[in-house]
Amino acid sequence: MIKEAIDRIIELSKPTTFIDNAGCERFTKDGGIVIPPRMTSLELHSLESTCKQVKPENGQYAVIHLNRVSVCSDFKGNKTEFRKVDIETVPLLPQDGFKFGRRMDIEEFIIAASDGFVDDDNIRALIAGVSKISSVDEADFSDDGVSQNVTYKQGVRKQKGALEPFVFLRPYRTFAELEQPQSRFLLRISQDAQKQPFISLHEASGYGWRNEILQKTYEYVVAHVPDGTTVLR
């Protein structure tokens, strides 16, 4: 009998709720809005797995950002919090990425370029050209405004070469399912007081690759999510 009375008191102490005209569930005692529990966010790293998670019948939709895709769900709740992020997807890229604009010695440059760019004929040609400078005894560099001329001595012989200032490469910048966009870079060679050569690459494309990534991501998601899914960008 006492237990039933206690249970009844606990039941009566719980605030009841009602649905207001805006469709929000509110407590009857203070008029406050009932906040739905937030869903634990998932972090994914591929567009393929993300598209498989989308369920438009649950009100989910995809939002495209640069190198990020969010899958969100509409819900009724606090007016300052109209949606929650269920899934966040970011690409897996080289840990440090290639440091554009940074001067590197020959060995550091070759290692960074081998890891930071898609392996194609252009990056192989660049690494091959730079590698010829790595074993020189002496090196002198000049810039004629068109190409950078390299004169190096190996043993008793002198040889000359020219490196074109602009190269077209494909850095790892976005999801693995997408083709990495090609951009133009300016190659600069310099030397320190001890005449040790240093190489740097600088952005020279106007960052047009950002729009290309957004468009390719949008096209991929639209093609792979279920029919009826809203995709925003």
Protein backbone atom coordinates (compact mmCIF):
# COMPACT_ATOMS: atom_id res chain seq x y z
CA MET A 1 0.00 0.00 0.00
CA ILE A 2 2.79 2.39 0.97
CA LYS A 3 4.74 1.48 -2.20
CA GLU A 4 1.70 2.20 -4.38
CA ALA A 5 1.28 5.60 -2.70
CA ILE A 6 4.94 6.47 -3.26
CA ASP A 7 4.73 5.41 -6.91
CA ARG A 8 1.61 7.56 -7.32
CA ILE A 9 3.33 10.59 -5.79
CA ILE A 10 6.34 10.15 -8.12
CA GLU A 11 4.02 9.85 -11.10
CA LEU A 12 2.14 13.03 -10.16
CA SER A 13 5.41 14.91 -9.63
CA LYS A 14 6.45 14.35 -13.25
CA PRO A 15 5.57 17.35 -15.40
CA THR A 16 3.11 16.54 -18.18
CA THR A 17 3.62 17.91 -21.67
CA PHE A 18 1.55 19.23 -24.54
CA ILE A 19 2.14 20.12 -28.19
CA ASP A 20 1.83 23.84 -28.92
CA ASN A 21 0.60 25.47 -32.14
CA ALA A 22 4.12 25.46 -33.60
CA GLY A 23 4.36 21.70 -33.13
CA CYS A 24 6.82 21.90 -30.22
CA GLU A 25 6.42 19.66 -27.18
CA ARG A 26 6.28 21.79 -23.99
CA PHE A 27 6.13 21.19 -20.26
CA THR A 28 2.77 22.21 -18.77
CA LYS A 29 4.27 23.63 -15.56
CA ASP A 30 6.69 26.22 -16.91
CA GLY A 31 5.99 26.25 -20.65
CA GLY A 32 9.57 25.20 -21.42
CA ILE A 33 10.37 23.21 -24.56
CA VAL A 34 11.28 19.54 -24.27
CA ILE A 35 14.72 19.12 -25.89
CA PRO A 36 15.03 15.82 -27.77
CA PRO A 37 18.19 13.86 -26.87
CA ARG A 38 21.06 14.56 -29.21
CA MET A 39 22.30 11.67 -31.28
CA THR A 40 25.95 10.70 -30.94
CA SER A 41 27.77 11.95 -34.04
CA LEU A 42 29.59 9.55 -36.32
CA GLU A 43 32.83 10.49 -38.05
CA LEU A 44 33.40 8.77 -41.37
CA HIS A 45 36.16 9.06 -43.94
CA SER A 46 34.62 7.96 -47.24
CA LEU A 47 31.83 9.30 -49.38
CA GLU A 48 30.66 5.78 -50.18
CA SER A 49 29.99 4.88 -46.54
CA THR A 50 28.36 8.27 -45.94
CA CYS A 51 25.88 7.88 -48.80
CA LYS A 52 24.84 4.47 -47.46
CA GLN A 53 23.92 6.06 -44.11
CA VAL A 54 21.45 8.58 -45.56
CA LYS A 55 17.77 7.78 -45.00
CA PRO A 56 15.54 10.52 -46.42
CA GLU A 57 12.44 8.93 -44.85
CA ASN A 58 13.93 9.95 -41.49
CA GLY A 59 14.24 13.57 -42.63
CA GLN A 60 17.96 13.29 -43.32
CA TYR A 61 19.68 15.46 -45.92
CA ALA A 62 23.28 16.02 -46.98
CA VAL A 63 25.23 19.28 -46.82
CA ILE A 64 28.38 19.68 -48.96
CA HIS A 65 31.29 21.76 -47.65
CA LEU A 66 34.88 21.90 -48.88
CA ASN A 67 36.39 18.55 -47.86
CA ARG A 68 33.50 17.84 -45.52
CA VAL A 69 30.07 16.29 -45.90
CA SER A 70 27.47 16.52 -43.13
CA VAL A 71 24.35 14.40 -42.89
CA CYS A 72 21.74 16.28 -40.86
CA SER A 73 18.24 15.59 -39.57
CA ASP A 74 15.47 18.12 -39.05
CA PHE A 75 13.70 17.92 -35.71
CA LYS A 76 11.31 19.96 -33.65
CA GLY A 77 12.88 21.42 -30.57
CA ASN A 78 14.63 24.43 -29.15
CA LYS A 79 14.20 27.38 -31.52
CA THR A 80 17.94 28.08 -31.39
CA GLU A 81 18.82 24.52 -32.40
CA PHE A 82 16.88 23.40 -35.46
CA ARG A 83 19.06 20.52 -36.53
CA LYS A 84 21.66 18.10 -35.27
CA VAL A 85 24.62 16.62 -37.08
CA ASP A 86 24.30 12.85 -37.23
CA ILE A 87 27.29 12.12 -39.48
CA GLU A 88 30.44 14.13 -40.25
CA THR A 89 32.63 12.91 -43.10
CA VAL A 90 36.17 14.15 -43.80
CA PRO A 91 38.78 12.66 -46.17
CA LEU A 92 41.85 10.85 -44.96
CA LEU A 93 44.79 12.87 -46.28
CA PRO A 94 48.56 12.68 -45.72
CA GLN A 95 49.14 13.56 -42.08
CA ASP A 96 51.06 16.75 -42.60
CA GLY A 97 50.34 17.42 -46.27
CA PHE A 98 52.74 19.13 -48.61
CA LYS A 99 53.95 22.49 -47.27
CA PHE A 100 53.48 24.91 -50.15
CA GLY A 101 55.68 28.01 -50.02
CA ARG A 102 58.19 26.38 -47.67
CA ARG A 103 61.87 26.06 -48.65
CA MET A 104 63.15 22.49 -48.37
CA ASP A 105 66.46 20.86 -49.04
CA ILE A 106 66.54 18.40 -51.93
CA GLU A 107 66.04 15.23 -49.86
CA GLU A 108 63.15 16.67 -47.83
CA PHE A 109 61.47 17.93 -50.99
CA ILE A 110 61.67 14.54 -52.74
CA ILE A 111 60.19 12.72 -49.73
CA ALA A 112 57.39 15.26 -49.25
CA ALA A 113 56.54 15.31 -52.98
CA SER A 114 56.46 11.51 -53.18
CA ASP A 115 53.94 11.38 -50.33
CA GLY A 116 51.85 14.48 -51.08
CA PHE A 117 51.02 14.12 -54.79
CA VAL A 118 49.25 11.59 -57.00
CA ASP A 119 51.86 9.44 -58.73
CA ASP A 120 51.73 10.49 -62.39
CA ASP A 121 54.14 11.48 -65.17
CA ASN A 122 54.34 15.12 -64.03
CA ILE A 123 55.44 14.44 -60.46
CA ARG A 124 57.88 11.77 -61.63
CA ALA A 125 59.46 14.21 -64.09
CA LEU A 126 59.74 16.87 -61.39
CA ILE A 127 61.35 14.50 -58.89
CA ALA A 128 63.73 13.21 -61.57
CA GLY A 129 64.80 16.76 -62.45
CA VAL A 130 65.29 17.79 -58.84
CA SER A 131 67.18 14.56 -58.05
CA LYS A 132 69.90 15.51 -60.54
CA ILE A 133 70.75 18.48 -58.36
CA SER A 134 70.99 16.41 -55.19
CA SER A 135 74.40 14.89 -55.96
CA VAL A 136 76.23 18.01 -57.17
CA ASP A 137 79.55 19.18 -55.82
CA GLU A 138 78.85 22.79 -56.78
CA ALA A 139 75.72 24.47 -58.05
CA ASP A 140 74.91 27.92 -59.38
CA PHE A 141 71.37 29.05 -60.13
CA SER A 142 70.02 31.88 -62.25
CA ASP A 143 66.49 33.01 -63.09
CA ASP A 144 65.88 34.49 -66.54
CA GLY A 145 62.19 35.14 -65.83
CA VAL A 146 61.09 32.15 -67.89
CA SER A 147 62.98 29.17 -66.52
CA GLN A 148 65.48 28.56 -63.76
CA ASN A 149 68.89 27.64 -65.11
CA VAL A 150 71.06 25.27 -63.15
CA THR A 151 74.80 24.87 -63.70
CA TYR A 152 76.34 22.08 -61.65
CA LYS A 153 79.74 20.51 -61.53
CA GLN A 154 80.17 16.80 -60.93
CA GLY A 155 83.79 15.84 -60.59
CA VAL A 156 85.68 17.71 -63.34
CA ARG A 157 82.69 18.08 -65.72
CA LYS A 158 80.20 20.90 -65.83
CA GLN A 159 76.65 20.43 -67.02
CA LYS A 160 73.77 22.82 -67.53
CA GLY A 161 70.05 22.34 -67.26
CA ALA A 162 66.84 24.33 -67.08
CA LEU A 163 63.80 23.71 -64.94
CA GLU A 164 60.49 25.11 -66.12
CA PRO A 165 59.01 27.48 -63.52
CA PHE A 166 55.44 26.13 -63.73
CA VAL A 167 54.42 22.53 -63.07
CA PHE A 168 50.98 20.90 -63.12
CA LEU A 169 50.49 18.48 -60.24
CA ARG A 170 47.69 16.73 -58.36
CA PRO A 171 48.10 17.02 -54.59
CA TYR A 172 46.00 14.82 -52.31
CA ARG A 173 43.29 17.28 -51.32
CA THR A 174 39.95 15.51 -51.17
CA PHE A 175 38.11 12.19 -50.82
CA ALA A 176 39.64 9.03 -52.27
CA GLU A 177 36.51 8.39 -54.37
CA LEU A 178 37.09 11.61 -56.31
CA GLU A 179 39.78 12.39 -58.86
CA GLN A 180 42.29 14.71 -57.23
CA PRO A 181 42.17 18.07 -59.06
CA GLN A 182 45.22 19.22 -60.99
CA SER A 183 46.62 22.66 -60.19
CA ARG A 184 49.45 24.85 -61.43
CA PHE A 185 52.41 25.50 -59.11
CA LEU A 186 55.42 27.77 -59.34
CA LEU A 187 58.75 26.03 -58.74
CA ARG A 188 61.50 28.11 -57.15
CA ILE A 189 65.12 27.12 -56.55
CA SER A 190 67.44 29.04 -54.24
CA GLN A 191 70.61 28.43 -52.29
CA ASP A 192 71.94 29.38 -48.91
CA ALA A 193 75.28 30.97 -48.00
CA GLN A 194 76.98 27.58 -48.31
CA LYS A 195 75.49 27.21 -51.82
CA GLN A 196 73.23 24.36 -50.74
CA PRO A 197 70.16 24.18 -53.03
CA PHE A 198 66.63 24.59 -51.69
CA ILE A 199 63.34 23.93 -53.48
CA SER A 200 59.87 25.39 -52.88
CA LEU A 201 56.49 25.07 -54.58
CA HIS A 202 53.94 27.89 -54.55
CA GLU A 203 50.23 27.97 -55.40
CA ALA A 204 49.72 29.56 -58.83
CA SER A 205 46.22 28.44 -59.80
CA GLY A 206 43.97 31.00 -58.13
CA TYR A 207 42.55 28.25 -55.88
CA GLY A 208 40.18 27.13 -58.64
CA TRP A 209 40.57 23.58 -57.32
CA ARG A 210 38.25 24.44 -54.42
CA ASN A 211 35.27 24.92 -56.74
CA GLU A 212 36.21 21.76 -58.61
CA ILE A 213 36.21 19.72 -55.40
CA LEU A 214 32.83 21.14 -54.33
CA GLN A 215 31.29 20.30 -57.72
CA LYS A 216 32.73 16.78 -57.86
CA THR A 217 31.65 16.04 -54.27
CA TYR A 218 28.14 17.30 -55.02
CA GLU A 219 27.88 15.18 -58.18
CA TYR A 220 29.10 12.05 -56.37
CA VAL A 221 26.72 12.44 -53.43
CA VAL A 222 23.70 13.17 -55.66
CA ALA A 223 24.46 10.07 -57.72
CA HIS A 224 24.85 7.74 -54.71
CA VAL A 225 22.28 8.78 -52.07
CA PRO A 226 18.73 7.32 -52.15
CA ASP A 227 16.10 8.98 -54.30
CA GLY A 228 14.31 11.79 -52.50
CA THR A 229 17.41 12.96 -50.59
CA THR A 230 17.98 16.70 -50.46
CA VAL A 231 21.62 17.66 -51.12
CA LEU A 232 22.70 21.22 -50.28
CA ARG A 233 25.93 23.04 -51.08
